[in-house]
Amino acid sequence: MKIPKCAFAIIGGSGTLSSNFPKNFPAAQILEENLFFETPYGKSPAFRFCEVDGKKFLTCKMHGWRSGVTRADSSRQIFWTFREAGVKKILSEGGVGTINHLLNPRDLMIPDDYLDLSNRKDVQLDGKFLLIMRDALCPDLRGKLLTSAKKFFDGRIFERGIYAVTDGRHFESPAEISMLKGHADIVGQSLAPEVYLAREIGACYANLSFVVNYGEGLKTWSHEVMKNIFFDDAQLIGNILLDAIKNTDADKKNCHCLELRKETLLKEIYE
């Protein structure tokens, strides 16, 4: 199947899962769905090819995670597809837990840095580039998310913070949360390897995280509250993402993301 060309992509997480994103959003139109692509890393997850305000984008559910496929391969399948489609701007979303004791469920955060504690570090497409992970989360795209979030959400929005990535799928132990205090603000399972695969394909990347639970050992949290957030706030998260795309110019560069991808010095290995 031929991969459609587009400049934008949204990687759906737990925030938009219950809304069947973007099917129930009047602002968006689904042009094609149930698109599967053969990649060097196996068959891709199902994509939807969509449009909002004249801007076309690809989207998939839950970061491509599914039974029988490693999360590393899921990420490679997605970003290989994005590269073939010509994607330049990528937004992702997902629920996170707290590390910073000042954060509460239903707070929104647009992280500006990350700490990768997962075992999925050596995940790449071809290794032809040296990836400088300064400003790994695009400042310009983060600004678009912040502007859109303020339009739809009157709660607390944090425009910066550090996202600690763990393997999951279990939640972290109290000792792990305690270890991370002072080093990160939120904890989740999806930002890496996405953040460096985006840099490898030369695309800008930003993430919208919403707090769904307290980190273990900080404060007791309720599974019922988490479930309610997933179902009640899905429309909010989707609206923010779509509005950010509407207000982003794919060709205008107000960042240095592409400049931070250099040709590798290890050419004899990768050629």
Protein backbone atom coordinates (compact mmCIF):
# COMPACT_ATOMS: atom_id res chain seq x y z
CA MET A 1 0.00 0.00 0.00
CA LYS A 2 1.32 3.43 -0.93
CA ILE A 3 2.05 5.75 1.98
CA PRO A 4 0.21 9.08 1.59
CA LYS A 5 2.29 12.25 1.72
CA CYS A 6 1.70 14.71 4.54
CA ALA A 7 3.62 17.17 6.70
CA PHE A 8 1.97 16.46 10.07
CA ALA A 9 1.48 13.48 12.37
CA ILE A 10 -0.20 12.83 15.70
CA ILE A 11 0.80 9.86 17.82
CA GLY A 12 -2.22 9.02 19.90
CA GLY A 13 -1.84 7.78 23.46
CA SER A 14 -4.14 7.07 26.37
CA GLY A 15 -5.52 10.60 26.24
CA THR A 16 -7.35 10.23 22.92
CA LEU A 17 -7.96 6.48 22.96
CA SER A 18 -11.53 6.58 24.28
CA SER A 19 -12.58 9.28 21.77
CA ASN A 20 -11.81 7.19 18.66
CA PHE A 21 -9.67 10.14 17.57
CA PRO A 22 -10.31 12.00 15.36
CA LYS A 23 -13.58 10.38 14.27
CA ASN A 24 -15.77 12.29 16.70
CA PHE A 25 -14.14 15.69 16.17
CA PRO A 26 -16.06 18.03 13.81
CA ALA A 27 -12.87 19.97 12.98
CA ALA A 28 -11.20 16.91 11.44
CA GLN A 29 -12.01 14.73 8.47
CA ILE A 30 -10.85 11.15 8.02
CA LEU A 31 -9.73 10.67 4.42
CA GLU A 32 -8.69 7.00 4.74
CA GLU A 33 -8.49 4.54 7.62
CA ASN A 34 -7.21 1.06 8.45
CA LEU A 35 -4.01 1.77 6.58
CA PHE A 36 -1.27 -0.80 7.17
CA PHE A 37 2.20 -0.47 5.67
CA GLU A 38 5.01 -2.97 5.24
CA THR A 39 8.16 -1.64 6.88
CA PRO A 40 11.66 -3.07 7.39
CA TYR A 41 10.61 -3.66 11.02
CA GLY A 42 7.39 -5.53 10.32
CA LYS A 43 3.84 -4.56 9.46
CA SER A 44 2.85 -1.18 10.84
CA PRO A 45 -0.03 -0.50 13.21
CA ALA A 46 -3.24 0.85 11.68
CA PHE A 47 -3.03 4.46 10.56
CA ARG A 48 -5.68 7.00 9.76
CA PHE A 49 -5.02 9.62 7.10
CA CYS A 50 -6.83 12.79 8.11
CA GLU A 51 -7.23 16.48 7.45
CA VAL A 52 -7.83 19.52 9.63
CA ASP A 53 -8.17 23.03 8.21
CA GLY A 54 -6.65 21.88 4.92
CA LYS A 55 -3.64 20.26 6.60
CA LYS A 56 -3.22 16.52 6.16
CA PHE A 57 -1.85 14.29 8.90
CA LEU A 58 -1.30 10.64 9.79
CA THR A 59 -2.30 9.29 13.17
CA CYS A 60 -2.24 5.96 15.01
CA LYS A 61 -3.44 4.71 18.39
CA MET A 62 -1.45 4.09 21.57
CA HIS A 63 1.99 4.71 20.07
CA GLY A 64 1.56 1.62 17.89
CA TRP A 65 1.80 -0.67 20.91
CA ARG A 66 0.12 -4.03 20.43
CA SER A 67 0.48 -7.65 21.49
CA GLY A 68 3.32 -9.62 19.91
CA VAL A 69 5.28 -6.56 18.76
CA THR A 70 8.03 -5.01 20.87
CA ARG A 71 7.65 -1.36 21.74
CA ALA A 72 10.98 -0.68 20.03
CA ASP A 73 9.73 -2.17 16.76
CA SER A 74 6.39 -0.38 17.10
CA SER A 75 8.25 2.92 17.28
CA ARG A 76 10.44 2.07 14.30
CA GLN A 77 7.41 1.07 12.23
CA ILE A 78 5.72 4.38 12.99
CA PHE A 79 8.71 6.62 12.34
CA TRP A 80 9.79 4.78 9.21
CA THR A 81 6.27 5.42 7.90
CA PHE A 82 6.48 9.09 8.90
CA ARG A 83 9.80 9.44 7.11
CA GLU A 84 8.38 7.91 3.92
CA ALA A 85 5.34 10.21 4.17
CA GLY A 86 7.53 13.30 4.47
CA VAL A 87 6.29 14.26 7.94
CA LYS A 88 7.91 17.41 9.35
CA LYS A 89 5.93 18.08 12.55
CA ILE A 90 4.94 15.41 15.09
CA LEU A 91 2.72 15.77 18.17
CA SER A 92 2.29 13.04 20.76
CA GLU A 93 0.19 12.72 23.90
CA GLY A 94 -0.16 10.47 26.88
CA GLY A 95 -1.01 10.09 30.55
CA VAL A 96 1.78 10.36 33.10
CA GLY A 97 2.38 9.98 36.81
CA THR A 98 3.84 12.59 39.13
CA ILE A 99 7.34 12.81 40.52
CA ASN A 100 7.16 16.46 41.49
CA HIS A 101 4.93 16.61 44.58
CA LEU A 102 3.41 19.92 43.44
CA LEU A 103 1.62 18.24 40.52
CA ASN A 104 -1.90 16.82 40.71
CA PRO A 105 -4.12 14.67 38.49
CA ARG A 106 -5.61 16.64 35.56
CA ASP A 107 -2.64 19.02 35.40
CA LEU A 108 -1.26 19.43 31.88
CA MET A 109 2.46 19.58 31.13
CA ILE A 110 4.35 20.30 27.92
CA PRO A 111 7.79 18.87 28.78
CA ASP A 112 10.94 20.57 27.52
CA ASP A 113 13.43 17.82 28.36
CA TYR A 114 13.57 14.12 29.13
CA LEU A 115 15.47 11.47 31.06
CA ASP A 116 15.55 8.06 29.34
CA LEU A 117 15.68 5.23 31.88
CA SER A 118 14.25 2.64 29.50
CA ASN A 119 16.13 -0.26 27.95
CA ARG A 120 15.11 0.89 24.46
CA LYS A 121 18.04 3.21 23.87
CA ASP A 122 19.61 1.65 20.76
CA VAL A 123 16.53 2.16 18.60
CA GLN A 124 17.29 3.74 15.23
CA LEU A 125 16.30 3.50 11.59
CA ASP A 126 19.65 3.49 9.82
CA GLY A 127 22.23 5.18 12.04
CA LYS A 128 23.37 7.66 9.40
CA PHE A 129 23.07 10.68 11.66
CA LEU A 130 24.64 12.03 14.81
CA LEU A 131 21.70 13.16 16.94
CA ILE A 132 22.29 16.14 19.19
CA MET A 133 19.54 16.04 21.78
CA ARG A 134 19.64 19.69 22.77
CA ASP A 135 16.10 21.13 22.57
CA ALA A 136 14.92 17.64 21.70
CA LEU A 137 11.33 18.76 22.26
CA CYS A 138 10.88 21.50 19.68
CA PRO A 139 10.51 24.92 21.37
CA ASP A 140 8.33 26.28 18.57
CA LEU A 141 6.00 23.27 18.48
CA ARG A 142 5.77 23.31 22.28
CA GLY A 143 4.68 26.94 22.03
CA LYS A 144 1.90 25.97 19.64
CA LEU A 145 0.68 23.33 22.08
CA LEU A 146 0.75 25.84 24.94
CA THR A 147 -1.28 28.40 23.00
CA SER A 148 -3.85 25.77 22.02
CA ALA A 149 -4.02 24.32 25.54
CA LYS A 150 -4.87 27.75 26.95
CA LYS A 151 -7.81 28.02 24.53
CA PHE A 152 -9.48 24.84 25.72
CA PHE A 153 -8.31 24.27 29.30
CA ASP A 154 -8.77 26.52 32.32
CA GLY A 155 -6.83 24.28 34.69
CA ARG A 156 -3.13 24.28 35.46
CA ILE A 157 -0.78 24.10 32.46
CA PHE A 158 2.96 23.76 32.94
CA GLU A 159 4.96 24.88 29.92
CA ARG A 160 8.14 23.09 30.91
CA GLY A 161 9.23 20.05 32.87
CA ILE A 162 11.34 16.92 32.66
CA TYR A 163 9.76 13.64 31.56
CA ALA A 164 11.38 10.46 32.92
CA VAL A 165 10.87 7.46 30.63
CA THR A 166 10.59 3.97 32.10
CA ASP A 167 9.87 0.64 30.41
CA GLY A 168 6.54 -0.25 31.97
CA ARG A 169 4.02 -1.66 31.56
CA HIS A 170 3.88 -1.76 35.33
CA PHE A 171 3.91 1.49 37.30
CA GLU A 172 7.04 2.51 39.18
CA SER A 173 7.78 1.46 42.75
CA PRO A 174 7.95 3.99 45.61
CA ALA A 175 11.74 3.56 45.68
CA GLU A 176 11.98 4.36 41.96
CA ILE A 177 9.86 7.49 42.36
CA SER A 178 11.99 8.52 45.33
CA MET A 179 15.16 8.04 43.26
CA LEU A 180 13.77 10.27 40.51
CA LYS A 181 12.81 13.15 42.82
CA GLY A 182 14.82 16.22 41.95
CA HIS A 183 15.70 14.80 38.53
CA ALA A 184 12.32 14.77 36.77
CA ASP A 185 8.78 16.05 37.19
CA ILE A 186 6.66 13.40 35.49
CA VAL A 187 7.08 9.75 34.57
CA GLY A 188 5.73 7.78 31.62
CA GLN A 189 6.58 5.14 29.05
CA SER A 190 6.32 6.65 25.58
CA LEU A 191 8.49 9.74 25.06
CA ALA A 192 11.56 7.67 24.22
CA PRO A 193 12.50 6.39 21.69
CA GLU A 194 10.04 8.68 19.90
CA VAL A 195 11.99 11.81 20.73
CA TYR A 196 15.20 10.64 19.10
CA LEU A 197 13.53 8.86 16.18
CA ALA A 198 11.86 12.19 15.37
CA ARG A 199 15.27 13.86 15.33
CA GLU A 200 16.64 11.08 13.13
CA ILE A 201 14.01 11.65 10.44
CA GLY A 202 14.50 15.43 10.68
CA ALA A 203 11.08 16.22 12.16
CA CYS A 204 10.07 18.56 14.96
CA TYR A 205 8.51 16.77 17.94
CA ALA A 206 6.52 17.91 20.97
CA ASN A 207 4.47 16.15 23.62
CA LEU A 208 1.34 16.96 25.59
CA SER A 209 1.29 15.08 28.89
CA PHE A 210 -1.63 15.01 31.30
CA VAL A 211 -1.26 13.82 34.87
CA VAL A 212 -3.47 10.82 35.68
CA ASN A 213 -1.95 9.55 38.94
CA TYR A 214 0.43 10.35 41.75
CA GLY A 215 3.79 8.59 41.71
CA GLU A 216 3.92 5.77 44.23
CA GLY A 217 4.94 6.93 47.68
CA LEU A 218 3.85 10.53 47.12
CA LYS A 219 0.13 10.27 47.73
CA THR A 220 -2.54 7.60 47.41
CA TRP A 221 -4.33 7.75 44.07
CA SER A 222 -7.57 6.27 42.80
CA HIS A 223 -7.93 3.98 39.79
CA GLU A 224 -11.47 5.32 39.42
CA VAL A 225 -10.16 8.89 39.08
CA MET A 226 -7.68 7.73 36.46
CA LYS A 227 -10.45 6.00 34.50
CA ASN A 228 -12.61 9.11 34.65
CA ILE A 229 -9.76 11.26 33.33
CA PHE A 230 -9.20 8.93 30.38
CA PHE A 231 -12.86 9.06 29.40
CA ASP A 232 -13.78 12.61 30.40
CA ASP A 233 -10.77 14.48 29.02
CA ALA A 234 -10.25 12.71 25.69
CA GLN A 235 -12.15 15.42 23.79
CA LEU A 236 -10.04 18.12 25.43
CA ILE A 237 -6.74 16.47 24.48
CA GLY A 238 -7.88 15.90 20.90
CA ASN A 239 -9.06 19.49 20.51
CA ILE A 240 -5.70 20.83 21.69
CA LEU A 241 -3.76 18.65 19.25
CA LEU A 242 -5.95 19.54 16.27
CA ASP A 243 -5.85 23.24 17.08
CA ALA A 244 -2.05 23.13 17.33
CA ILE A 245 -1.82 21.64 13.84
CA LYS A 246 -4.23 24.25 12.49
CA ASN A 247 -1.91 26.98 13.76
CA THR A 248 1.39 25.46 12.69
CA ASP A 249 3.11 26.12 9.37
CA ALA A 250 4.91 22.98 8.25
CA ASP A 251 7.43 24.90 6.15
CA LYS A 252 8.21 27.74 8.54
CA LYS A 253 11.24 27.05 10.72
CA ASN A 254 11.40 28.94 14.00
CA CYS A 255 13.60 26.30 15.61
CA HIS A 256 16.94 24.54 15.17
CA CYS A 257 15.67 20.96 15.22
CA LEU A 258 16.97 20.00 11.77
CA GLU A 259 20.32 21.67 12.42
CA LEU A 260 20.83 19.37 15.43
CA ARG A 261 20.92 16.32 13.15
CA LYS A 262 24.43 15.91 11.74
CA GLU A 263 26.04 13.36 9.43
CA THR A 264 27.60 10.56 11.44
CA LEU A 265 31.38 10.43 11.80
CA LEU A 266 31.17 6.62 11.72
CA LYS A 267 30.59 6.35 7.98
CA GLU A 268 32.59 3.15 7.57
CA ILE A 269 30.15 1.39 9.88
CA TYR A 270 26.91 2.60 8.32
CA GLU A 271 27.78 2.70 4.62
